[in-house]
Amino acid sequence: MSAMTQYDLHTHSTASDGSLTPTQLVARASEQGVTHLALTDHDGTEGLDEASTAAEQYGITLIPGVEVSVSWHGATVHIVGLQLDQQNQALQSGLGALRDYRRERARKIADKLEKAGIPGALEGAAQYASETMLGRLHFARFLVEKGHARDMKDVFNRFLVKNKPGYVSGDWATLEQAVTWIREAGGQAVIAHPARYKMTNSKRRRLVAEFKSLGGEAIEVSSGNQHPEEVRVMAKLAEEFELLASCGSDFHSPDNNWIELGKMTTMPPFVTPVWTQWQ
């Protein structure tokens, strides 16, 4: 009798904002019974070579992936790419531009904070961040540590939202760019955690419709620690728009004890899993 197949198609490593190296991530996935693991770091594929070597060692199938940051009608949306050729030029130059933008944005946030009388924010925030992923969260940790705010929530409200000293609007890839880069690299585009975006149902439907029209193929029906009812609603959305269904924990760190590799709510039987298309 063969062991059960267990897919986890959305995870992060130290190559973006996860706390485990690609090797540690694969080892933990193996411990948790994951048989097919996608490493989908933010806007970069640097962790894939190491993860691939580790996957061979642990007898896991690694699916090369990425999670692309997208700005869509005032919202930041994430598009996961699965089964992609990481050498693809179109994909890599697109991701490179996003990482340049992230560095540029970090400099702008630091400049604005300096004008507001808080020097040294770039260096301060960088202590908390990996090379590729210096973002608002890291500035927030710096500001809390320096006593400029009580806690993370306070710091976002006082510094990092519109009309406040550290606010720089997100200007990521367009939905069309993200889907195109993934497709050019031979991958499948997937809308990550659709239930998590703060948008009305009609706006979410518009996102899904546009994504589908651009050649997007799947949505994450089951994501991390998600309520079964939410999973059912997202499954209905996949069915209605004739999209494939993906599942992923969005694992970042062992410290977050309610999200674990391979532990997702089961997808309803009426959806078609994204892996049915794989050879």
C-alpha atoms as a PDB file:
ATOM      1  CA  MET A   1       0.000   0.000   0.000  1.00  0.00           C
ATOM      2  CA  SER A   2       1.433   3.378  -0.972  1.00  0.00           C
ATOM      3  CA  ALA A   3       1.683   6.157   1.572  1.00  0.00           C
ATOM      4  CA  MET A   4      -0.772   9.015   1.337  1.00  0.00           C
ATOM      5  CA  THR A   5       0.017  11.849  -0.995  1.00  0.00           C
ATOM      6  CA  GLN A   6       0.119  15.191   0.788  1.00  0.00           C
ATOM      7  CA  TYR A   7       0.499  18.455  -1.113  1.00  0.00           C
ATOM      8  CA  ASP A   8       1.574  21.800   0.352  1.00  0.00           C
ATOM      9  CA  LEU A   9       1.824  24.305  -2.473  1.00  0.00           C
ATOM     10  CA  HIS A  10       2.530  27.601  -0.687  1.00  0.00           C
ATOM     11  CA  THR A  11       5.529  27.959   1.658  1.00  0.00           C
ATOM     12  CA  HIS A  12       8.332  30.396   2.477  1.00  0.00           C
ATOM     13  CA  SER A  13      12.024  30.118   3.415  1.00  0.00           C
ATOM     14  CA  THR A  14      14.835  32.463   4.439  1.00  0.00           C
ATOM     15  CA  ALA A  15      15.137  33.339   0.728  1.00  0.00           C
ATOM     16  CA  SER A  16      12.201  35.671   1.457  1.00  0.00           C
ATOM     17  CA  ASP A  17      10.469  36.180   4.812  1.00  0.00           C
ATOM     18  CA  GLY A  18      10.418  32.645   6.215  1.00  0.00           C
ATOM     19  CA  SER A  19      12.527  31.678   9.217  1.00  0.00           C
ATOM     20  CA  LEU A  20      13.746  28.257   7.997  1.00  0.00           C
ATOM     21  CA  THR A  21      16.409  27.746   5.328  1.00  0.00           C
ATOM     22  CA  PRO A  22      15.180  25.859   2.251  1.00  0.00           C
ATOM     23  CA  THR A  23      16.878  22.707   3.599  1.00  0.00           C
ATOM     24  CA  GLN A  24      15.243  23.039   7.034  1.00  0.00           C
ATOM     25  CA  LEU A  25      11.879  23.691   5.387  1.00  0.00           C
ATOM     26  CA  VAL A  26      12.113  20.518   3.296  1.00  0.00           C
ATOM     27  CA  ALA A  27      13.218  18.485   6.341  1.00  0.00           C
ATOM     28  CA  ARG A  28      10.251  19.744   8.363  1.00  0.00           C
ATOM     29  CA  ALA A  29       7.847  19.119   5.471  1.00  0.00           C
ATOM     30  CA  SER A  30       9.111  15.545   5.302  1.00  0.00           C
ATOM     31  CA  GLU A  31       8.548  15.123   9.059  1.00  0.00           C
ATOM     32  CA  GLN A  32       4.985  16.391   8.628  1.00  0.00           C
ATOM     33  CA  GLY A  33       4.237  13.837   5.917  1.00  0.00           C
ATOM     34  CA  VAL A  34       4.276  16.249   2.975  1.00  0.00           C
ATOM     35  CA  THR A  35       5.083  14.388  -0.265  1.00  0.00           C
ATOM     36  CA  HIS A  36       4.806  17.325  -2.738  1.00  0.00           C
ATOM     37  CA  LEU A  37       6.136  20.689  -1.586  1.00  0.00           C
ATOM     38  CA  ALA A  38       6.144  23.994  -3.455  1.00  0.00           C
ATOM     39  CA  LEU A  39       8.609  26.629  -2.293  1.00  0.00           C
ATOM     40  CA  THR A  40       6.982  29.965  -3.188  1.00  0.00           C
ATOM     41  CA  ASP A  41       9.150  32.756  -1.816  1.00  0.00           C
ATOM     42  CA  HIS A  42       8.141  36.370  -2.404  1.00  0.00           C
ATOM     43  CA  ASP A  43       9.330  37.845  -5.701  1.00  0.00           C
ATOM     44  CA  GLY A  44      12.358  35.551  -6.000  1.00  0.00           C
ATOM     45  CA  THR A  45      13.473  32.000  -6.713  1.00  0.00           C
ATOM     46  CA  GLU A  46      16.861  32.039  -4.926  1.00  0.00           C
ATOM     47  CA  GLY A  47      15.917  29.242  -2.530  1.00  0.00           C
ATOM     48  CA  LEU A  48      14.921  26.704  -5.181  1.00  0.00           C
ATOM     49  CA  ASP A  49      18.314  25.127  -5.918  1.00  0.00           C
ATOM     50  CA  GLU A  50      18.991  24.369  -2.272  1.00  0.00           C
ATOM     51  CA  ALA A  51      15.413  23.127  -1.743  1.00  0.00           C
ATOM     52  CA  SER A  52      15.695  20.867  -4.769  1.00  0.00           C
ATOM     53  CA  THR A  53      18.883  19.237  -3.454  1.00  0.00           C
ATOM     54  CA  ALA A  54      17.269  18.729  -0.046  1.00  0.00           C
ATOM     55  CA  ALA A  55      14.089  17.318  -1.618  1.00  0.00           C
ATOM     56  CA  GLU A  56      16.113  14.601  -3.357  1.00  0.00           C
ATOM     57  CA  GLN A  57      17.760  13.759  -0.057  1.00  0.00           C
ATOM     58  CA  TYR A  58      14.408  13.499   1.770  1.00  0.00           C
ATOM     59  CA  GLY A  59      12.522  11.808  -1.058  1.00  0.00           C
ATOM     60  CA  ILE A  60      10.045  14.640  -1.509  1.00  0.00           C
ATOM     61  CA  THR A  61       8.835  16.053  -4.829  1.00  0.00           C
ATOM     62  CA  LEU A  62       9.730  19.754  -4.986  1.00  0.00           C
ATOM     63  CA  ILE A  63       7.532  22.006  -7.119  1.00  0.00           C
ATOM     64  CA  PRO A  64       9.466  25.128  -8.131  1.00  0.00           C
ATOM     65  CA  GLY A  65       7.371  28.184  -7.354  1.00  0.00           C
ATOM     66  CA  VAL A  66       7.232  31.875  -6.512  1.00  0.00           C
ATOM     67  CA  GLU A  67       4.755  34.333  -4.963  1.00  0.00           C
ATOM     68  CA  VAL A  68       4.453  37.554  -6.958  1.00  0.00           C
ATOM     69  CA  SER A  69       3.324  40.845  -5.367  1.00  0.00           C
ATOM     70  CA  VAL A  70       0.591  42.538  -7.408  1.00  0.00           C
ATOM     71  CA  SER A  71      -1.177  45.895  -7.096  1.00  0.00           C
ATOM     72  CA  TRP A  72      -4.778  45.604  -8.284  1.00  0.00           C
ATOM     73  CA  HIS A  73      -7.336  48.400  -7.894  1.00  0.00           C
ATOM     74  CA  GLY A  74      -5.825  49.695  -4.666  1.00  0.00           C
ATOM     75  CA  ALA A  75      -5.315  46.247  -3.138  1.00  0.00           C
ATOM     76  CA  THR A  76      -2.139  44.195  -2.811  1.00  0.00           C
ATOM     77  CA  VAL A  77      -2.843  40.713  -4.142  1.00  0.00           C
ATOM     78  CA  HIS A  78      -0.492  37.717  -4.298  1.00  0.00           C
ATOM     79  CA  ILE A  79      -0.203  35.430  -7.299  1.00  0.00           C
ATOM     80  CA  VAL A  80       1.588  32.130  -6.820  1.00  0.00           C
ATOM     81  CA  GLY A  81       3.355  30.485  -9.752  1.00  0.00           C
ATOM     82  CA  LEU A  82       3.766  26.690  -9.698  1.00  0.00           C
ATOM     83  CA  GLN A  83       5.843  24.298 -11.824  1.00  0.00           C
ATOM     84  CA  LEU A  84       7.896  27.072 -13.354  1.00  0.00           C
ATOM     85  CA  ASP A  85      11.224  27.141 -15.101  1.00  0.00           C
ATOM     86  CA  GLN A  86      13.254  29.351 -12.802  1.00  0.00           C
ATOM     87  CA  GLN A  87      15.792  30.081 -15.562  1.00  0.00           C
ATOM     88  CA  ASN A  88      13.160  31.873 -17.656  1.00  0.00           C
ATOM     89  CA  GLN A  89      14.359  35.359 -18.608  1.00  0.00           C
ATOM     90  CA  ALA A  90      10.959  37.097 -18.645  1.00  0.00           C
ATOM     91  CA  LEU A  91      10.202  35.779 -15.170  1.00  0.00           C
ATOM     92  CA  GLN A  92      13.581  36.697 -13.703  1.00  0.00           C
ATOM     93  CA  SER A  93      13.692  40.216 -15.110  1.00  0.00           C
ATOM     94  CA  GLY A  94      10.171  40.825 -13.791  1.00  0.00           C
ATOM     95  CA  LEU A  95      11.091  39.544 -10.340  1.00  0.00           C
ATOM     96  CA  GLY A  96      14.317  41.575 -10.412  1.00  0.00           C
ATOM     97  CA  ALA A  97      12.324  44.750 -11.055  1.00  0.00           C
ATOM     98  CA  LEU A  98      10.062  43.973  -8.085  1.00  0.00           C
ATOM     99  CA  ARG A  99      13.045  43.483  -5.788  1.00  0.00           C
ATOM    100  CA  ASP A 100      14.585  46.765  -7.008  1.00  0.00           C
ATOM    101  CA  TYR A 101      11.267  48.444  -6.279  1.00  0.00           C
ATOM    102  CA  ARG A 102      11.161  46.924  -2.778  1.00  0.00           C
ATOM    103  CA  ARG A 103      14.630  48.358  -2.012  1.00  0.00           C
ATOM    104  CA  GLU A 104      13.629  51.724  -3.465  1.00  0.00           C
ATOM    105  CA  ARG A 105      10.446  51.769  -1.361  1.00  0.00           C
ATOM    106  CA  ALA A 106      12.428  50.935   1.786  1.00  0.00           C
ATOM    107  CA  ARG A 107      14.722  53.907   1.105  1.00  0.00           C
ATOM    108  CA  LYS A 108      11.702  56.193   0.612  1.00  0.00           C
ATOM    109  CA  ILE A 109      10.091  55.017   3.857  1.00  0.00           C
ATOM    110  CA  ALA A 110      13.363  55.664   5.721  1.00  0.00           C
ATOM    111  CA  ASP A 111      13.676  59.150   4.163  1.00  0.00           C
ATOM    112  CA  LYS A 112      10.145  60.045   5.221  1.00  0.00           C
ATOM    113  CA  LEU A 113      10.744  58.802   8.765  1.00  0.00           C
ATOM    114  CA  GLU A 114      13.973  60.786   8.929  1.00  0.00           C
ATOM    115  CA  LYS A 115      12.051  63.951   7.946  1.00  0.00           C
ATOM    116  CA  ALA A 116       9.641  63.104  10.773  1.00  0.00           C
ATOM    117  CA  GLY A 117      12.589  63.110  13.202  1.00  0.00           C
ATOM    118  CA  ILE A 118      13.385  59.389  13.286  1.00  0.00           C
ATOM    119  CA  PRO A 119      16.886  58.775  11.889  1.00  0.00           C
ATOM    120  CA  GLY A 120      18.549  55.443  11.137  1.00  0.00           C
ATOM    121  CA  ALA A 121      15.369  53.596  10.161  1.00  0.00           C
ATOM    122  CA  LEU A 122      16.846  51.834   7.126  1.00  0.00           C
ATOM    123  CA  GLU A 123      19.723  50.284   9.101  1.00  0.00           C
ATOM    124  CA  GLY A 124      17.420  49.661  12.053  1.00  0.00           C
ATOM    125  CA  ALA A 125      14.800  47.842   9.992  1.00  0.00           C
ATOM    126  CA  ALA A 126      17.458  45.895   8.079  1.00  0.00           C
ATOM    127  CA  GLN A 127      18.464  44.057  11.286  1.00  0.00           C
ATOM    128  CA  TYR A 128      15.128  42.232  11.186  1.00  0.00           C
ATOM    129  CA  ALA A 129      15.019  41.478   7.479  1.00  0.00           C
ATOM    130  CA  SER A 130      16.577  39.073   5.032  1.00  0.00           C
ATOM    131  CA  GLU A 131      18.503  40.499   2.094  1.00  0.00           C
ATOM    132  CA  THR A 132      15.583  40.406  -0.331  1.00  0.00           C
ATOM    133  CA  MET A 133      12.608  41.201   1.853  1.00  0.00           C
ATOM    134  CA  LEU A 134      13.031  44.482   3.718  1.00  0.00           C
ATOM    135  CA  GLY A 135       9.449  45.662   4.158  1.00  0.00           C
ATOM    136  CA  ARG A 136       6.997  47.590   6.294  1.00  0.00           C
ATOM    137  CA  LEU A 137       6.911  44.896   8.972  1.00  0.00           C
ATOM    138  CA  HIS A 138      10.631  45.389   9.629  1.00  0.00           C
ATOM    139  CA  PHE A 139      10.270  49.177   9.899  1.00  0.00           C
ATOM    140  CA  ALA A 140       7.398  48.557  12.305  1.00  0.00           C
ATOM    141  CA  ARG A 141       9.546  46.338  14.524  1.00  0.00           C
ATOM    142  CA  PHE A 142      12.283  48.985  14.556  1.00  0.00           C
ATOM    143  CA  LEU A 143       9.812  51.751  15.496  1.00  0.00           C
ATOM    144  CA  VAL A 144       8.309  49.695  18.337  1.00  0.00           C
ATOM    145  CA  GLU A 145      11.749  48.758  19.647  1.00  0.00           C
ATOM    146  CA  LYS A 146      12.830  52.407  19.624  1.00  0.00           C
ATOM    147  CA  GLY A 147       9.723  53.381  21.604  1.00  0.00           C
ATOM    148  CA  HIS A 148       8.004  55.375  18.849  1.00  0.00           C
ATOM    149  CA  ALA A 149       4.891  53.221  19.170  1.00  0.00           C
ATOM    150  CA  ARG A 150       3.338  50.793  21.664  1.00  0.00           C
ATOM    151  CA  ASP A 151       2.925  47.802  19.394  1.00  0.00           C
ATOM    152  CA  MET A 152       2.700  46.722  15.758  1.00  0.00           C
ATOM    153  CA  LYS A 153      -0.888  47.850  15.345  1.00  0.00           C
ATOM    154  CA  ASP A 154      -0.124  51.256  16.824  1.00  0.00           C
ATOM    155  CA  VAL A 155       2.916  51.711  14.600  1.00  0.00           C
ATOM    156  CA  PHE A 156       0.999  50.918  11.416  1.00  0.00           C
ATOM    157  CA  ASN A 157      -1.743  53.368  12.348  1.00  0.00           C
ATOM    158  CA  ARG A 158       0.635  56.158  13.299  1.00  0.00           C
ATOM    159  CA  PHE A 159       3.360  55.796  10.686  1.00  0.00           C
ATOM    160  CA  LEU A 160       2.755  53.389   7.840  1.00  0.00           C
ATOM    161  CA  VAL A 161      -0.748  54.146   6.546  1.00  0.00           C
ATOM    162  CA  LYS A 162      -1.931  56.839   4.131  1.00  0.00           C
ATOM    163  CA  ASN A 163      -1.174  60.449   5.144  1.00  0.00           C
ATOM    164  CA  LYS A 164       1.242  59.342   7.875  1.00  0.00           C
ATOM    165  CA  PRO A 165       5.045  59.973   7.983  1.00  0.00           C
ATOM    166  CA  GLY A 166       6.270  56.555   6.797  1.00  0.00           C
ATOM    167  CA  TYR A 167       3.632  55.841   4.152  1.00  0.00           C
ATOM    168  CA  VAL A 168       4.761  54.967   0.625  1.00  0.00           C
ATOM    169  CA  SER A 169       2.068  53.461  -1.585  1.00  0.00           C
ATOM    170  CA  GLY A 170       2.660  49.973  -2.933  1.00  0.00           C
ATOM    171  CA  ASP A 171       3.261  49.884  -6.656  1.00  0.00           C
ATOM    172  CA  TRP A 172       3.870  46.238  -7.463  1.00  0.00           C
ATOM    173  CA  ALA A 173       3.408  44.231 -10.659  1.00  0.00           C
ATOM    174  CA  THR A 174       0.120  44.426 -12.541  1.00  0.00           C
ATOM    175  CA  LEU A 175      -2.068  41.334 -12.543  1.00  0.00           C
ATOM    176  CA  GLU A 176      -1.362  40.943 -16.246  1.00  0.00           C
ATOM    177  CA  GLN A 177       2.413  41.102 -15.736  1.00  0.00           C
ATOM    178  CA  ALA A 178       2.369  38.522 -12.924  1.00  0.00           C
ATOM    179  CA  VAL A 179       0.254  36.024 -14.871  1.00  0.00           C
ATOM    180  CA  THR A 180       2.298  36.587 -18.049  1.00  0.00           C
ATOM    181  CA  TRP A 181       5.692  36.065 -16.350  1.00  0.00           C
ATOM    182  CA  ILE A 182       4.467  32.831 -14.760  1.00  0.00           C
ATOM    183  CA  ARG A 183       2.996  31.552 -18.032  1.00  0.00           C
ATOM    184  CA  GLU A 184       6.124  32.457 -20.005  1.00  0.00           C
ATOM    185  CA  ALA A 185       8.097  30.367 -17.517  1.00  0.00           C
ATOM    186  CA  GLY A 186       5.776  27.444 -18.281  1.00  0.00           C
ATOM    187  CA  GLY A 187       4.053  27.664 -14.899  1.00  0.00           C
ATOM    188  CA  GLN A 188       0.503  27.762 -13.589  1.00  0.00           C
ATOM    189  CA  ALA A 189      -0.732  31.028 -12.050  1.00  0.00           C
ATOM    190  CA  VAL A 190      -2.721  30.694  -8.824  1.00  0.00           C
ATOM    191  CA  ILE A 191      -4.511  33.375  -6.772  1.00  0.00           C
ATOM    192  CA  ALA A 192      -3.072  32.998  -3.256  1.00  0.00           C
ATOM    193  CA  HIS A 193      -5.437  32.934  -0.221  1.00  0.00           C
ATOM    194  CA  PRO A 194      -8.405  34.672  -1.940  1.00  0.00           C
ATOM    195  CA  ALA A 195     -10.423  34.786   1.302  1.00  0.00           C
ATOM    196  CA  ARG A 196      -7.790  36.892   3.018  1.00  0.00           C
ATOM    197  CA  TYR A 197      -8.113  40.042   0.910  1.00  0.00           C
ATOM    198  CA  LYS A 198     -10.210  42.733   2.497  1.00  0.00           C
ATOM    199  CA  MET A 199     -12.567  43.181  -0.435  1.00  0.00           C
ATOM    200  CA  THR A 200     -16.281  42.845  -1.115  1.00  0.00           C
ATOM    201  CA  ASN A 201     -17.532  39.653  -2.738  1.00  0.00           C
ATOM    202  CA  SER A 202     -18.228  41.478  -5.975  1.00  0.00           C
ATOM    203  CA  LYS A 203     -14.710  42.902  -6.086  1.00  0.00           C
ATOM    204  CA  ARG A 204     -13.256  39.453  -5.387  1.00  0.00           C
ATOM    205  CA  ARG A 205     -15.332  38.031  -8.245  1.00  0.00           C
ATOM    206  CA  ARG A 206     -14.019  40.777 -10.520  1.00  0.00           C
ATOM    207  CA  LEU A 207     -10.462  39.844  -9.551  1.00  0.00           C
ATOM    208  CA  VAL A 208     -11.109  36.164 -10.306  1.00  0.00           C
ATOM    209  CA  ALA A 209     -12.796  36.955 -13.642  1.00  0.00           C
ATOM    210  CA  GLU A 210      -9.934  39.213 -14.779  1.00  0.00           C
ATOM    211  CA  PHE A 211      -7.337  36.687 -13.602  1.00  0.00           C
ATOM    212  CA  LYS A 212      -9.071  33.947 -15.593  1.00  0.00           C
ATOM    213  CA  SER A 213      -9.269  36.111 -18.720  1.00  0.00           C
ATOM    214  CA  LEU A 214      -5.501  36.742 -18.517  1.00  0.00           C
ATOM    215  CA  GLY A 215      -4.760  33.007 -18.474  1.00  0.00           C
ATOM    216  CA  GLY A 216      -4.717  32.367 -14.735  1.00  0.00           C
ATOM    217  CA  GLU A 217      -5.439  28.718 -13.997  1.00  0.00           C
ATOM    218  CA  ALA A 218      -6.124  28.151 -10.307  1.00  0.00           C
ATOM    219  CA  ILE A 219      -7.060  29.580  -6.930  1.00  0.00           C
ATOM    220  CA  GLU A 220      -6.028  28.464  -3.459  1.00  0.00           C
ATOM    221  CA  VAL A 221      -9.214  26.875  -2.178  1.00  0.00           C
ATOM    222  CA  SER A 222      -7.638  25.749   1.078  1.00  0.00           C
ATOM    223  CA  SER A 223      -5.065  27.975   2.738  1.00  0.00           C
ATOM    224  CA  GLY A 224      -3.378  27.549   6.108  1.00  0.00           C
ATOM    225  CA  ASN A 225      -5.644  27.623   9.105  1.00  0.00           C
ATOM    226  CA  GLN A 226      -8.884  28.300   7.239  1.00  0.00           C
ATOM    227  CA  HIS A 227     -12.462  27.766   8.340  1.00  0.00           C
ATOM    228  CA  PRO A 228     -14.198  24.919   6.453  1.00  0.00           C
ATOM    229  CA  GLU A 229     -17.009  27.276   5.400  1.00  0.00           C
ATOM    230  CA  GLU A 230     -14.495  29.653   3.801  1.00  0.00           C
ATOM    231  CA  VAL A 231     -12.914  26.699   2.008  1.00  0.00           C
ATOM    232  CA  ARG A 232     -16.351  25.720   0.679  1.00  0.00           C
ATOM    233  CA  VAL A 233     -17.048  29.268  -0.572  1.00  0.00           C
ATOM    234  CA  MET A 234     -13.672  29.436  -2.356  1.00  0.00           C
ATOM    235  CA  ALA A 235     -14.292  25.985  -3.841  1.00  0.00           C
ATOM    236  CA  LYS A 236     -17.620  27.229  -5.241  1.00  0.00           C
ATOM    237  CA  LEU A 237     -15.744  30.174  -6.780  1.00  0.00           C
ATOM    238  CA  ALA A 238     -13.249  27.811  -8.415  1.00  0.00           C
ATOM    239  CA  GLU A 239     -16.085  25.674  -9.742  1.00  0.00           C
ATOM    240  CA  GLU A 240     -18.021  28.625 -11.108  1.00  0.00           C
ATOM    241  CA  PHE A 241     -15.046  30.164 -12.922  1.00  0.00           C
ATOM    242  CA  GLU A 242     -13.750  26.748 -14.016  1.00  0.00           C
ATOM    243  CA  LEU A 243     -10.442  27.205 -12.250  1.00  0.00           C
ATOM    244  CA  LEU A 244      -8.286  24.470 -10.758  1.00  0.00           C
ATOM    245  CA  ALA A 245      -8.008  24.257  -6.963  1.00  0.00           C
ATOM    246  CA  SER A 246      -4.751  24.578  -5.035  1.00  0.00           C
ATOM    247  CA  CYS A 247      -3.951  24.187  -1.344  1.00  0.00           C
ATOM    248  CA  GLY A 248      -1.073  25.593   0.678  1.00  0.00           C
ATOM    249  CA  SER A 249      -0.259  26.346   4.294  1.00  0.00           C
ATOM    250  CA  ASP A 250       1.540  29.668   3.612  1.00  0.00           C
ATOM    251  CA  PHE A 251       4.013  28.410   6.234  1.00  0.00           C
ATOM    252  CA  HIS A 252       6.591  31.008   7.357  1.00  0.00           C
ATOM    253  CA  SER A 253       7.887  29.882  10.716  1.00  0.00           C
ATOM    254  CA  PRO A 254       7.603  27.156  13.380  1.00  0.00           C
ATOM    255  CA  ASP A 255       6.837  29.938  15.900  1.00  0.00           C
ATOM    256  CA  ASN A 256       3.392  30.353  14.390  1.00  0.00           C
ATOM    257  CA  ASN A 257       1.869  27.295  15.997  1.00  0.00           C
ATOM    258  CA  TRP A 258      -1.513  27.372  14.252  1.00  0.00           C
ATOM    259  CA  ILE A 259      -0.010  27.084  10.751  1.00  0.00           C
ATOM    260  CA  GLU A 260       1.917  23.900  10.041  1.00  0.00           C
ATOM    261  CA  LEU A 261       3.295  22.380   6.853  1.00  0.00           C
ATOM    262  CA  GLY A 262       0.802  20.081   5.145  1.00  0.00           C
ATOM    263  CA  LYS A 263      -2.034  20.911   7.565  1.00  0.00           C
ATOM    264  CA  MET A 264      -4.921  22.390   5.576  1.00  0.00           C
ATOM    265  CA  THR A 265      -8.670  21.882   5.554  1.00  0.00           C
ATOM    266  CA  THR A 266      -9.525  19.168   3.017  1.00  0.00           C
ATOM    267  CA  MET A 267     -10.770  20.491  -0.320  1.00  0.00           C
ATOM    268  CA  PRO A 268     -14.329  19.522  -1.332  1.00  0.00           C
ATOM    269  CA  PRO A 269     -14.577  16.620  -3.812  1.00  0.00           C
ATOM    270  CA  PHE A 270     -16.242  18.704  -6.543  1.00  0.00           C
ATOM    271  CA  VAL A 271     -13.129  20.784  -7.350  1.00  0.00           C
ATOM    272  CA  THR A 272     -10.312  19.707  -9.675  1.00  0.00           C
ATOM    273  CA  PRO A 273      -6.926  19.843  -7.922  1.00  0.00           C
ATOM    274  CA  VAL A 274      -4.192  21.775  -9.713  1.00  0.00           C
ATOM    275  CA  TRP A 275      -1.889  18.730  -9.687  1.00  0.00           C
ATOM    276  CA  THR A 276      -4.198  16.720 -11.985  1.00  0.00           C
ATOM    277  CA  GLN A 277      -2.525  18.679 -14.817  1.00  0.00           C
ATOM    278  CA  TRP A 278       1.001  17.597 -13.876  1.00  0.00           C
ATOM    279  CA  GLN A 279       2.915  14.875 -15.681  1.00  0.00           C
END
